[in-house]
Amino acid sequence: MIPRFQVYLFDIDGTLLDSAKDICGAIQQVLDTKDCRPVTFEFLKSYIGLHLVEVFGDVLPHYSPAQIDELVQEYRALYTARGHKLTQIYPGVAETLPVLGGRKSTASTKGTSGSRAVLQQFGLLPHFDHVQGTDGFPCKPAPDVILNALAALGAQPDDCLMIGDAPSDMIAGKRAGVKTCAVRYGYGKEDELAQHQPDYWVADLRELI
């Protein structure tokens, strides 16, 4: 049984939305124009939740930081242009958010504006008291996005549960001093998530209610 919390923080990709086809598709569009080794969908999916510099840096290790930044900007334009047409809400999300007590925010590696846009498109934005993306500070597994969300809500770590699908979510939550909940249906591998000892597990967000 998961106790009630005053604040719930949600990762987006792999937790609220199954967006891998659009994210990986946009990354692949960028890589298709570059001279690099072939990569698989599963390989690209394993990077979701981390900053884009991680995947581009690993696939194109000879690129300079400035060149990597250009790839990131190219990705963002292509990702936006895709219009989230291959993205879907995970089962249980639309049923849970309206009735889950407490205040709710995101804690996403996406920028705040991009987070708001995708939540709006899928009808989830009205259920959030705050939207926090990663804007100009270190992304997960650093705790900054969680700490910024808590500051915006005037909340304390003890009041908060961080829900995510990736090891980076669990690490960031531990570093921020909040309780963590791993979802079993996202992109993270259960054995890797288990190494970071989530406080709770769910197979469906409705288990939070």
N, C-alpha and C. Protein backbone atom coordinates (compact mmCIF):
# COMPACT_ATOMS: atom_id res chain seq x y z
N MET A 1 0.85 -1.19 0.00
CA MET A 1 0.00 0.00 0.00
C MET A 1 0.89 1.25 0.00
N ILE A 2 0.65 2.15 -0.93
CA ILE A 2 1.41 3.39 -1.01
C ILE A 2 0.68 4.46 -0.22
N PRO A 3 1.33 5.09 0.74
CA PRO A 3 0.65 6.12 1.53
C PRO A 3 0.36 7.36 0.71
N ARG A 4 -0.46 8.23 1.24
CA ARG A 4 -0.77 9.50 0.59
C ARG A 4 0.40 10.46 0.74
N PHE A 5 0.63 11.24 -0.27
CA PHE A 5 1.66 12.28 -0.22
C PHE A 5 1.02 13.63 -0.53
N GLN A 6 1.63 14.68 -0.02
CA GLN A 6 1.12 16.02 -0.29
C GLN A 6 1.51 16.51 -1.68
N VAL A 7 2.62 15.98 -2.21
CA VAL A 7 3.11 16.39 -3.53
C VAL A 7 3.54 15.16 -4.32
N TYR A 8 3.12 15.11 -5.58
CA TYR A 8 3.53 14.05 -6.50
C TYR A 8 4.27 14.68 -7.67
N LEU A 9 5.46 14.18 -7.93
CA LEU A 9 6.25 14.66 -9.06
C LEU A 9 6.34 13.54 -10.09
N PHE A 10 6.06 13.87 -11.35
CA PHE A 10 6.02 12.86 -12.40
C PHE A 10 7.05 13.14 -13.48
N ASP A 11 7.82 12.12 -13.81
CA ASP A 11 8.53 12.11 -15.06
C ASP A 11 7.47 12.05 -16.17
N ILE A 12 7.82 12.47 -17.39
CA ILE A 12 6.83 12.44 -18.48
C ILE A 12 7.05 11.27 -19.41
N ASP A 13 8.19 11.24 -20.10
CA ASP A 13 8.45 10.22 -21.11
C ASP A 13 8.75 8.88 -20.46
N GLY A 14 7.90 7.89 -20.76
CA GLY A 14 8.07 6.58 -20.15
C GLY A 14 7.29 6.41 -18.86
N THR A 15 6.65 7.48 -18.40
CA THR A 15 5.87 7.43 -17.17
C THR A 15 4.43 7.85 -17.41
N LEU A 16 4.25 9.02 -17.99
CA LEU A 16 2.91 9.48 -18.37
C LEU A 16 2.61 9.16 -19.83
N LEU A 17 3.61 9.34 -20.67
CA LEU A 17 3.43 9.19 -22.11
C LEU A 17 4.40 8.18 -22.70
N ASP A 18 3.88 7.33 -23.58
CA ASP A 18 4.72 6.41 -24.35
C ASP A 18 5.14 7.17 -25.61
N SER A 19 6.25 7.85 -25.52
CA SER A 19 6.70 8.78 -26.55
C SER A 19 7.95 8.31 -27.27
N ALA A 20 8.35 7.07 -27.05
CA ALA A 20 9.63 6.60 -27.58
C ALA A 20 9.70 6.66 -29.10
N LYS A 21 8.60 6.36 -29.77
CA LYS A 21 8.63 6.35 -31.24
C LYS A 21 8.92 7.74 -31.79
N ASP A 22 8.38 8.77 -31.16
CA ASP A 22 8.64 10.13 -31.63
C ASP A 22 10.03 10.61 -31.23
N ILE A 23 10.44 10.32 -29.99
CA ILE A 23 11.76 10.75 -29.53
C ILE A 23 12.86 10.05 -30.32
N CYS A 24 12.79 8.72 -30.38
CA CYS A 24 13.82 7.96 -31.09
C CYS A 24 13.76 8.24 -32.59
N GLY A 25 12.55 8.46 -33.10
CA GLY A 25 12.42 8.77 -34.51
C GLY A 25 13.11 10.07 -34.87
N ALA A 26 12.97 11.07 -34.02
CA ALA A 26 13.62 12.35 -34.28
C ALA A 26 15.14 12.24 -34.15
N ILE A 27 15.61 11.47 -33.17
CA ILE A 27 17.06 11.25 -33.04
C ILE A 27 17.58 10.55 -34.28
N GLN A 28 16.84 9.54 -34.74
CA GLN A 28 17.28 8.79 -35.92
C GLN A 28 17.30 9.69 -37.16
N GLN A 29 16.35 10.62 -37.26
CA GLN A 29 16.34 11.56 -38.37
C GLN A 29 17.62 12.39 -38.39
N VAL A 30 18.06 12.80 -37.21
CA VAL A 30 19.31 13.55 -37.12
C VAL A 30 20.49 12.68 -37.55
N LEU A 31 20.55 11.47 -37.02
CA LEU A 31 21.68 10.59 -37.30
C LEU A 31 21.72 10.13 -38.75
N ASP A 32 20.56 10.07 -39.39
CA ASP A 32 20.50 9.62 -40.79
C ASP A 32 21.29 10.54 -41.72
N THR A 33 21.49 11.78 -41.28
CA THR A 33 22.22 12.74 -42.12
C THR A 33 23.70 12.82 -41.74
N LYS A 34 24.12 11.95 -40.82
CA LYS A 34 25.51 11.98 -40.33
C LYS A 34 26.21 10.66 -40.66
N ASP A 35 27.51 10.71 -40.73
CA ASP A 35 28.32 9.52 -40.98
C ASP A 35 28.63 8.87 -39.64
N CYS A 36 27.77 7.92 -39.24
CA CYS A 36 27.96 7.28 -37.94
C CYS A 36 27.51 5.83 -38.04
N ARG A 37 27.84 5.04 -37.03
CA ARG A 37 27.48 3.63 -37.00
C ARG A 37 25.96 3.49 -36.88
N PRO A 38 25.40 2.43 -37.42
CA PRO A 38 23.96 2.19 -37.28
C PRO A 38 23.59 1.95 -35.82
N VAL A 39 22.41 2.41 -35.45
CA VAL A 39 21.91 2.20 -34.09
C VAL A 39 20.49 1.68 -34.17
N THR A 40 20.08 0.95 -33.16
CA THR A 40 18.74 0.37 -33.14
C THR A 40 17.79 1.24 -32.32
N PHE A 41 16.50 0.97 -32.50
CA PHE A 41 15.48 1.65 -31.72
C PHE A 41 15.68 1.39 -30.23
N GLU A 42 15.97 0.14 -29.87
CA GLU A 42 16.16 -0.20 -28.46
C GLU A 42 17.36 0.53 -27.87
N PHE A 43 18.40 0.67 -28.65
CA PHE A 43 19.58 1.42 -28.18
C PHE A 43 19.20 2.86 -27.89
N LEU A 44 18.51 3.51 -28.81
CA LEU A 44 18.13 4.90 -28.62
C LEU A 44 17.15 5.05 -27.45
N LYS A 45 16.25 4.09 -27.31
CA LYS A 45 15.26 4.16 -26.23
C LYS A 45 15.91 4.12 -24.86
N SER A 46 17.05 3.45 -24.77
CA SER A 46 17.74 3.34 -23.47
C SER A 46 18.26 4.69 -22.98
N TYR A 47 18.31 5.68 -23.84
CA TYR A 47 18.80 7.01 -23.46
C TYR A 47 17.68 7.96 -23.05
N ILE A 48 16.44 7.55 -23.24
CA ILE A 48 15.33 8.45 -22.90
C ILE A 48 15.36 8.76 -21.40
N GLY A 49 15.25 10.02 -21.08
CA GLY A 49 15.35 10.46 -19.69
C GLY A 49 16.69 11.10 -19.38
N LEU A 50 17.68 10.86 -20.23
CA LEU A 50 18.98 11.51 -20.09
C LEU A 50 19.05 12.68 -21.08
N HIS A 51 20.01 13.54 -20.89
CA HIS A 51 20.17 14.66 -21.81
C HIS A 51 20.59 14.15 -23.17
N LEU A 52 20.16 14.84 -24.20
CA LEU A 52 20.48 14.42 -25.57
C LEU A 52 21.97 14.39 -25.85
N VAL A 53 22.75 15.19 -25.12
CA VAL A 53 24.19 15.17 -25.37
C VAL A 53 24.78 13.79 -25.08
N GLU A 54 24.11 13.00 -24.23
CA GLU A 54 24.61 11.68 -23.89
C GLU A 54 24.56 10.75 -25.11
N VAL A 55 23.40 10.70 -25.77
CA VAL A 55 23.28 9.78 -26.90
C VAL A 55 24.09 10.27 -28.09
N PHE A 56 24.04 11.57 -28.38
CA PHE A 56 24.81 12.07 -29.51
C PHE A 56 26.31 11.96 -29.26
N GLY A 57 26.72 12.18 -28.02
CA GLY A 57 28.13 12.06 -27.69
C GLY A 57 28.64 10.65 -27.80
N ASP A 58 27.78 9.66 -27.47
CA ASP A 58 28.20 8.26 -27.56
C ASP A 58 28.24 7.77 -29.00
N VAL A 59 27.29 8.21 -29.80
CA VAL A 59 27.24 7.75 -31.19
C VAL A 59 28.26 8.48 -32.07
N LEU A 60 28.50 9.74 -31.74
CA LEU A 60 29.43 10.56 -32.51
C LEU A 60 30.52 11.12 -31.58
N PRO A 61 31.38 10.25 -31.05
CA PRO A 61 32.35 10.67 -30.03
C PRO A 61 33.38 11.67 -30.55
N HIS A 62 33.55 11.77 -31.85
CA HIS A 62 34.53 12.69 -32.41
C HIS A 62 33.97 14.10 -32.59
N TYR A 63 32.69 14.29 -32.29
CA TYR A 63 32.08 15.61 -32.43
C TYR A 63 32.48 16.50 -31.25
N SER A 64 32.64 17.77 -31.53
CA SER A 64 32.96 18.75 -30.49
C SER A 64 31.69 19.12 -29.73
N PRO A 65 31.82 19.73 -28.55
CA PRO A 65 30.63 20.18 -27.82
C PRO A 65 29.75 21.11 -28.66
N ALA A 66 30.36 21.98 -29.46
CA ALA A 66 29.58 22.88 -30.30
C ALA A 66 28.80 22.10 -31.35
N GLN A 67 29.42 21.07 -31.92
CA GLN A 67 28.72 20.26 -32.92
C GLN A 67 27.58 19.45 -32.28
N ILE A 68 27.83 18.95 -31.08
CA ILE A 68 26.78 18.22 -30.36
C ILE A 68 25.60 19.14 -30.09
N ASP A 69 25.89 20.37 -29.71
CA ASP A 69 24.81 21.33 -29.45
C ASP A 69 23.99 21.58 -30.70
N GLU A 70 24.64 21.62 -31.84
CA GLU A 70 23.92 21.78 -33.11
C GLU A 70 22.99 20.60 -33.36
N LEU A 71 23.45 19.39 -33.03
CA LEU A 71 22.61 18.21 -33.18
C LEU A 71 21.39 18.28 -32.27
N VAL A 72 21.59 18.76 -31.06
CA VAL A 72 20.48 18.89 -30.11
C VAL A 72 19.43 19.85 -30.65
N GLN A 73 19.89 20.99 -31.19
CA GLN A 73 18.95 21.96 -31.75
C GLN A 73 18.22 21.38 -32.96
N GLU A 74 18.93 20.61 -33.77
CA GLU A 74 18.31 19.97 -34.93
C GLU A 74 17.25 18.97 -34.47
N TYR A 75 17.59 18.18 -33.46
CA TYR A 75 16.63 17.23 -32.90
C TYR A 75 15.37 17.95 -32.43
N ARG A 76 15.53 19.01 -31.67
CA ARG A 76 14.36 19.69 -31.09
C ARG A 76 13.42 20.20 -32.17
N ALA A 77 13.97 20.70 -33.26
CA ALA A 77 13.13 21.16 -34.36
C ALA A 77 12.38 19.98 -35.00
N LEU A 78 13.08 18.87 -35.21
CA LEU A 78 12.45 17.71 -35.82
C LEU A 78 11.41 17.07 -34.90
N TYR A 79 11.73 17.01 -33.61
CA TYR A 79 10.80 16.42 -32.64
C TYR A 79 9.50 17.22 -32.59
N THR A 80 9.63 18.54 -32.53
CA THR A 80 8.44 19.39 -32.50
C THR A 80 7.62 19.22 -33.78
N ALA A 81 8.31 19.13 -34.91
CA ALA A 81 7.62 19.02 -36.20
C ALA A 81 6.84 17.71 -36.32
N ARG A 82 7.24 16.69 -35.60
CA ARG A 82 6.54 15.41 -35.67
C ARG A 82 5.15 15.49 -35.05
N GLY A 83 4.92 16.48 -34.18
CA GLY A 83 3.59 16.70 -33.62
C GLY A 83 3.11 15.61 -32.68
N HIS A 84 4.02 14.82 -32.14
CA HIS A 84 3.67 13.75 -31.17
C HIS A 84 2.65 12.77 -31.76
N LYS A 85 2.71 12.56 -33.07
CA LYS A 85 1.70 11.72 -33.73
C LYS A 85 1.81 10.25 -33.34
N LEU A 86 2.97 9.81 -32.90
CA LEU A 86 3.15 8.41 -32.53
C LEU A 86 3.20 8.22 -31.01
N THR A 87 2.86 9.26 -30.28
CA THR A 87 2.89 9.24 -28.81
C THR A 87 1.50 8.92 -28.27
N GLN A 88 1.46 8.15 -27.18
CA GLN A 88 0.19 7.77 -26.56
C GLN A 88 0.28 7.91 -25.05
N ILE A 89 -0.86 8.13 -24.42
CA ILE A 89 -0.94 8.14 -22.96
C ILE A 89 -0.93 6.69 -22.47
N TYR A 90 -0.15 6.43 -21.44
CA TYR A 90 -0.15 5.09 -20.87
C TYR A 90 -1.49 4.78 -20.19
N PRO A 91 -1.91 3.52 -20.19
CA PRO A 91 -3.14 3.14 -19.48
C PRO A 91 -3.06 3.54 -18.01
N GLY A 92 -4.17 4.06 -17.51
CA GLY A 92 -4.25 4.44 -16.10
C GLY A 92 -3.89 5.87 -15.79
N VAL A 93 -3.18 6.54 -16.70
CA VAL A 93 -2.73 7.91 -16.43
C VAL A 93 -3.91 8.88 -16.40
N ALA A 94 -4.74 8.85 -17.45
CA ALA A 94 -5.87 9.78 -17.53
C ALA A 94 -6.88 9.54 -16.42
N GLU A 95 -6.95 8.30 -15.93
CA GLU A 95 -7.87 7.98 -14.85
C GLU A 95 -7.32 8.40 -13.49
N THR A 96 -6.01 8.40 -13.34
CA THR A 96 -5.39 8.66 -12.04
C THR A 96 -5.25 10.15 -11.73
N LEU A 97 -4.73 10.91 -12.67
CA LEU A 97 -4.38 12.30 -12.37
C LEU A 97 -5.55 13.13 -11.85
N PRO A 98 -6.76 13.00 -12.40
CA PRO A 98 -7.85 13.86 -11.90
C PRO A 98 -8.28 13.57 -10.47
N VAL A 99 -8.07 12.35 -10.01
CA VAL A 99 -8.59 11.97 -8.69
C VAL A 99 -7.49 11.78 -7.64
N LEU A 100 -6.24 11.86 -8.06
CA LEU A 100 -5.15 11.70 -7.10
C LEU A 100 -5.05 12.95 -6.24
N GLY A 101 -5.14 12.78 -4.93
CA GLY A 101 -5.07 13.92 -4.03
C GLY A 101 -3.68 14.53 -4.01
N GLY A 102 -3.55 15.67 -3.37
CA GLY A 102 -2.27 16.35 -3.28
C GLY A 102 -2.01 17.21 -4.50
N ARG A 103 -0.89 17.93 -4.44
CA ARG A 103 -0.49 18.76 -5.56
C ARG A 103 0.43 17.98 -6.49
N LYS A 104 0.40 18.36 -7.75
CA LYS A 104 1.14 17.60 -8.75
C LYS A 104 2.00 18.52 -9.62
N SER A 105 3.20 18.02 -9.93
CA SER A 105 4.10 18.73 -10.84
C SER A 105 4.83 17.70 -11.67
N THR A 106 5.41 18.14 -12.76
CA THR A 106 6.32 17.29 -13.52
C THR A 106 7.75 17.52 -13.02
N ALA A 107 8.62 16.60 -13.35
CA ALA A 107 10.06 16.75 -13.11
C ALA A 107 10.73 16.05 -14.28
N SER A 108 10.78 16.76 -15.40
CA SER A 108 11.14 16.16 -16.68
C SER A 108 12.47 16.69 -17.21
N THR A 109 13.13 15.85 -18.00
CA THR A 109 14.33 16.29 -18.71
C THR A 109 13.97 17.19 -19.89
N LYS A 110 12.72 17.12 -20.36
CA LYS A 110 12.26 18.09 -21.35
C LYS A 110 12.35 19.49 -20.76
N GLY A 111 12.43 20.51 -21.62
CA GLY A 111 12.31 21.88 -21.14
C GLY A 111 10.89 22.13 -20.64
N THR A 112 10.71 23.18 -19.85
CA THR A 112 9.39 23.46 -19.30
C THR A 112 8.38 23.77 -20.40
N SER A 113 8.76 24.55 -21.39
CA SER A 113 7.81 24.91 -22.44
C SER A 113 7.39 23.67 -23.23
N GLY A 114 8.34 22.79 -23.54
CA GLY A 114 8.01 21.56 -24.24
C GLY A 114 7.14 20.64 -23.41
N SER A 115 7.41 20.61 -22.11
CA SER A 115 6.60 19.79 -21.21
C SER A 115 5.16 20.28 -21.18
N ARG A 116 4.99 21.59 -21.06
CA ARG A 116 3.64 22.16 -21.04
C ARG A 116 2.90 21.87 -22.35
N ALA A 117 3.62 21.99 -23.47
CA ALA A 117 2.98 21.79 -24.77
C ALA A 117 2.47 20.36 -24.95
N VAL A 118 3.29 19.39 -24.58
CA VAL A 118 2.87 18.00 -24.78
C VAL A 118 1.77 17.61 -23.79
N LEU A 119 1.83 18.12 -22.57
CA LEU A 119 0.76 17.85 -21.61
C LEU A 119 -0.55 18.47 -22.08
N GLN A 120 -0.47 19.66 -22.64
CA GLN A 120 -1.66 20.32 -23.18
C GLN A 120 -2.26 19.52 -24.33
N GLN A 121 -1.41 19.04 -25.23
CA GLN A 121 -1.89 18.30 -26.40
C GLN A 121 -2.66 17.04 -26.00
N PHE A 122 -2.22 16.40 -24.91
CA PHE A 122 -2.86 15.16 -24.50
C PHE A 122 -3.87 15.35 -23.37
N GLY A 123 -4.23 16.60 -23.09
CA GLY A 123 -5.28 16.88 -22.13
C GLY A 123 -4.92 16.68 -20.68
N LEU A 124 -3.62 16.61 -20.40
CA LEU A 124 -3.18 16.35 -19.02
C LEU A 124 -2.83 17.61 -18.25
N LEU A 125 -2.60 18.71 -18.94
CA LEU A 125 -2.11 19.93 -18.28
C LEU A 125 -3.02 20.42 -17.16
N PRO A 126 -4.34 20.39 -17.30
CA PRO A 126 -5.20 20.91 -16.22
C PRO A 126 -5.05 20.18 -14.89
N HIS A 127 -4.46 19.00 -14.91
CA HIS A 127 -4.34 18.23 -13.67
C HIS A 127 -3.07 18.57 -12.88
N PHE A 128 -2.25 19.46 -13.41
CA PHE A 128 -0.99 19.80 -12.76
C PHE A 128 -1.04 21.20 -12.16
N ASP A 129 -0.54 21.29 -10.92
CA ASP A 129 -0.42 22.58 -10.26
C ASP A 129 0.80 23.35 -10.73
N HIS A 130 1.79 22.62 -11.23
CA HIS A 130 3.04 23.23 -11.69
C HIS A 130 3.65 22.32 -12.74
N VAL A 131 4.33 22.91 -13.69
CA VAL A 131 5.08 22.13 -14.69
C VAL A 131 6.54 22.54 -14.59
N GLN A 132 7.39 21.58 -14.31
CA GLN A 132 8.82 21.85 -14.17
C GLN A 132 9.61 21.00 -15.15
N GLY A 133 10.30 21.68 -16.05
CA GLY A 133 11.23 21.00 -16.93
C GLY A 133 12.64 21.37 -16.57
N THR A 134 13.58 20.94 -17.39
CA THR A 134 14.99 21.21 -17.13
C THR A 134 15.43 22.38 -17.99
N ASP A 135 15.59 23.52 -17.36
CA ASP A 135 15.87 24.77 -18.06
C ASP A 135 17.18 25.39 -17.56
N GLY A 136 18.28 25.09 -18.23
CA GLY A 136 19.53 25.75 -17.91
C GLY A 136 20.21 25.27 -16.64
N PHE A 137 19.82 24.12 -16.13
CA PHE A 137 20.51 23.53 -14.98
C PHE A 137 20.69 22.04 -15.24
N PRO A 138 21.53 21.36 -14.47
CA PRO A 138 21.81 19.94 -14.73
C PRO A 138 20.55 19.09 -14.71
N CYS A 139 20.47 18.15 -15.63
CA CYS A 139 19.30 17.27 -15.71
C CYS A 139 19.50 16.04 -14.85
N LYS A 140 18.43 15.28 -14.67
CA LYS A 140 18.53 14.03 -13.93
C LYS A 140 19.64 13.15 -14.53
N PRO A 141 20.44 12.50 -13.72
CA PRO A 141 20.20 12.14 -12.32
C PRO A 141 20.55 13.20 -11.28
N ALA A 142 20.97 14.40 -11.69
CA ALA A 142 21.11 15.48 -10.73
C ALA A 142 19.73 15.80 -10.15
N PRO A 143 19.65 16.30 -8.92
CA PRO A 143 18.35 16.52 -8.28
C PRO A 143 17.70 17.85 -8.62
N ASP A 144 18.34 18.67 -9.47
CA ASP A 144 17.92 20.05 -9.65
C ASP A 144 16.47 20.22 -10.07
N VAL A 145 15.99 19.40 -11.02
CA VAL A 145 14.62 19.58 -11.50
C VAL A 145 13.61 19.30 -10.39
N ILE A 146 13.91 18.34 -9.53
CA ILE A 146 13.03 18.05 -8.40
C ILE A 146 13.07 19.19 -7.39
N LEU A 147 14.26 19.67 -7.08
CA LEU A 147 14.39 20.76 -6.12
C LEU A 147 13.71 22.02 -6.61
N ASN A 148 13.80 22.29 -7.92
CA ASN A 148 13.12 23.46 -8.47
C ASN A 148 11.61 23.30 -8.39
N ALA A 149 11.11 22.12 -8.65
CA ALA A 149 9.67 21.88 -8.54
C ALA A 149 9.19 22.06 -7.10
N LEU A 150 9.94 21.53 -6.15
CA LEU A 150 9.57 21.68 -4.74
C LEU A 150 9.58 23.14 -4.32
N ALA A 151 10.59 23.89 -4.78
CA ALA A 151 10.67 25.30 -4.44
C ALA A 151 9.47 26.06 -5.00
N ALA A 152 9.09 25.74 -6.23
CA ALA A 152 7.94 26.42 -6.84
C ALA A 152 6.65 26.14 -6.10
N LEU A 153 6.54 24.94 -5.53
CA LEU A 153 5.34 24.56 -4.80
C LEU A 153 5.43 24.90 -3.31
N GLY A 154 6.59 25.36 -2.86
CA GLY A 154 6.77 25.64 -1.45
C GLY A 154 6.67 24.40 -0.60
N ALA A 155 7.16 23.28 -1.13
CA ALA A 155 7.04 21.98 -0.47
C ALA A 155 8.37 21.50 0.07
N GLN A 156 8.30 20.59 1.01
CA GLN A 156 9.49 19.97 1.59
C GLN A 156 9.69 18.58 1.02
N PRO A 157 10.93 18.09 0.95
CA PRO A 157 11.18 16.75 0.41
C PRO A 157 10.37 15.65 1.08
N ASP A 158 10.17 15.76 2.38
CA ASP A 158 9.44 14.71 3.10
C ASP A 158 7.99 14.58 2.63
N ASP A 159 7.48 15.63 1.99
CA ASP A 159 6.09 15.63 1.55
C ASP A 159 5.90 15.01 0.17
N CYS A 160 6.99 14.61 -0.48
CA CYS A 160 6.97 14.38 -1.92
C CYS A 160 7.27 12.93 -2.32
N LEU A 161 6.59 12.50 -3.40
CA LEU A 161 6.88 11.22 -4.04
C LEU A 161 7.24 11.49 -5.49
N MET A 162 8.41 11.00 -5.93
CA MET A 162 8.85 11.11 -7.31
C MET A 162 8.52 9.81 -8.03
N ILE A 163 7.76 9.92 -9.13
CA ILE A 163 7.36 8.74 -9.90
C ILE A 163 8.05 8.78 -11.26
N GLY A 164 8.77 7.71 -11.59
CA GLY A 164 9.48 7.67 -12.87
C GLY A 164 9.78 6.26 -13.31
N ASP A 165 10.31 6.15 -14.51
CA ASP A 165 10.57 4.83 -15.10
C ASP A 165 12.04 4.51 -15.27
N ALA A 166 12.91 5.46 -14.95
CA ALA A 166 14.32 5.29 -15.27
C ALA A 166 15.20 5.35 -14.02
N PRO A 167 16.36 4.71 -14.06
CA PRO A 167 17.30 4.84 -12.94
C PRO A 167 17.61 6.30 -12.61
N SER A 168 17.69 7.15 -13.64
CA SER A 168 17.99 8.57 -13.38
C SER A 168 16.91 9.22 -12.52
N ASP A 169 15.66 8.78 -12.65
CA ASP A 169 14.58 9.31 -11.80
C ASP A 169 14.79 8.90 -10.35
N MET A 170 15.18 7.64 -10.16
CA MET A 170 15.38 7.13 -8.81
C MET A 170 16.59 7.81 -8.15
N ILE A 171 17.66 7.98 -8.91
CA ILE A 171 18.86 8.61 -8.37
C ILE A 171 18.58 10.06 -8.01
N ALA A 172 17.91 10.77 -8.91
CA ALA A 172 17.58 12.18 -8.66
C ALA A 172 16.70 12.31 -7.43
N GLY A 173 15.72 11.41 -7.31
CA GLY A 173 14.85 11.45 -6.14
C GLY A 173 15.60 11.23 -4.85
N LYS A 174 16.49 10.23 -4.82
CA LYS A 174 17.28 9.98 -3.62
C LYS A 174 18.14 11.19 -3.27
N ARG A 175 18.76 11.79 -4.29
CA ARG A 175 19.62 12.95 -4.05
C ARG A 175 18.83 14.15 -3.55
N ALA A 176 17.56 14.24 -3.94
CA ALA A 176 16.73 15.35 -3.49
C ALA A 176 16.09 15.08 -2.14
N GLY A 177 16.21 13.86 -1.66
CA GLY A 177 15.65 13.52 -0.36
C GLY A 177 14.18 13.21 -0.36
N VAL A 178 13.62 12.83 -1.54
CA VAL A 178 12.20 12.49 -1.62
C VAL A 178 12.04 10.98 -1.74
N LYS A 179 10.84 10.49 -1.47
CA LYS A 179 10.53 9.10 -1.70
C LYS A 179 10.41 8.86 -3.21
N THR A 180 10.70 7.63 -3.63
CA THR A 180 10.68 7.33 -5.06
C THR A 180 9.75 6.16 -5.35
N CYS A 181 9.14 6.21 -6.53
CA CYS A 181 8.25 5.15 -6.99
C CYS A 181 8.62 4.82 -8.43
N ALA A 182 8.97 3.57 -8.69
CA ALA A 182 9.33 3.13 -10.04
C ALA A 182 8.12 2.50 -10.72
N VAL A 183 7.90 2.86 -11.98
CA VAL A 183 6.85 2.21 -12.76
C VAL A 183 7.46 1.05 -13.54
N ARG A 184 6.73 -0.03 -13.62
CA ARG A 184 7.24 -1.24 -14.26
C ARG A 184 7.02 -1.26 -15.78
N TYR A 185 6.24 -0.31 -16.30
CA TYR A 185 5.84 -0.38 -17.70
C TYR A 185 6.64 0.54 -18.62
N GLY A 186 7.55 1.32 -18.08
CA GLY A 186 8.26 2.31 -18.89
C GLY A 186 9.46 1.76 -19.61
N TYR A 187 10.45 2.62 -19.82
CA TYR A 187 11.61 2.25 -20.63
C TYR A 187 12.77 1.70 -19.80
N GLY A 188 12.73 1.91 -18.51
CA GLY A 188 13.80 1.40 -17.65
C GLY A 188 13.70 -0.10 -17.44
N LYS A 189 14.83 -0.75 -17.29
CA LYS A 189 14.86 -2.19 -17.01
C LYS A 189 14.70 -2.40 -15.51
N GLU A 190 13.85 -3.35 -15.15
CA GLU A 190 13.53 -3.54 -13.73
C GLU A 190 14.75 -3.86 -12.89
N ASP A 191 15.68 -4.67 -13.42
CA ASP A 191 16.86 -5.01 -12.62
C ASP A 191 17.72 -3.78 -12.37
N GLU A 192 17.79 -2.88 -13.35
CA GLU A 192 18.58 -1.66 -13.17
C GLU A 192 17.88 -0.70 -12.21
N LEU A 193 16.56 -0.61 -12.31
CA LEU A 193 15.80 0.22 -11.38
C LEU A 193 15.96 -0.30 -9.95
N ALA A 194 15.91 -1.61 -9.80
CA ALA A 194 15.98 -2.22 -8.47
C ALA A 194 17.29 -1.92 -7.77
N GLN A 195 18.35 -1.72 -8.53
CA GLN A 195 19.65 -1.40 -7.93
C GLN A 195 19.59 -0.10 -7.13
N HIS A 196 18.64 0.76 -7.45
CA HIS A 196 18.54 2.06 -6.78
C HIS A 196 17.45 2.08 -5.72
N GLN A 197 16.93 0.90 -5.42
CA GLN A 197 16.03 0.68 -4.28
C GLN A 197 14.89 1.69 -4.21
N PRO A 198 14.00 1.69 -5.21
CA PRO A 198 12.81 2.54 -5.12
C PRO A 198 12.02 2.22 -3.85
N ASP A 199 11.41 3.23 -3.29
CA ASP A 199 10.60 3.01 -2.09
C ASP A 199 9.32 2.24 -2.43
N TYR A 200 8.81 2.46 -3.64
CA TYR A 200 7.58 1.80 -4.07
C TYR A 200 7.69 1.42 -5.55
N TRP A 201 6.84 0.47 -5.95
CA TRP A 201 6.73 0.05 -7.35
C TRP A 201 5.26 0.06 -7.73
N VAL A 202 4.97 0.40 -8.99
CA VAL A 202 3.60 0.25 -9.50
C VAL A 202 3.68 -0.29 -10.94
N ALA A 203 2.69 -1.10 -11.29
CA ALA A 203 2.55 -1.58 -12.65
C ALA A 203 1.53 -0.76 -13.43
N ASP A 204 0.81 0.10 -12.70
CA ASP A 204 -0.22 0.95 -13.28
C ASP A 204 -0.37 2.13 -12.33
N LEU A 205 -0.48 3.34 -12.88
CA LEU A 205 -0.56 4.52 -12.00
C LEU A 205 -1.78 4.50 -11.10
N ARG A 206 -2.81 3.74 -11.47
CA ARG A 206 -4.00 3.68 -10.62
C ARG A 206 -3.70 3.10 -9.25
N GLU A 207 -2.56 2.44 -9.11
CA GLU A 207 -2.16 1.91 -7.80
C GLU A 207 -1.80 3.03 -6.83
N LEU A 208 -1.61 4.26 -7.34
CA LEU A 208 -1.32 5.39 -6.46
C LEU A 208 -2.57 5.87 -5.73
N ILE A 209 -3.74 5.56 -6.28
CA ILE A 209 -4.99 6.09 -5.73
C ILE A 209 -5.35 5.33 -4.45
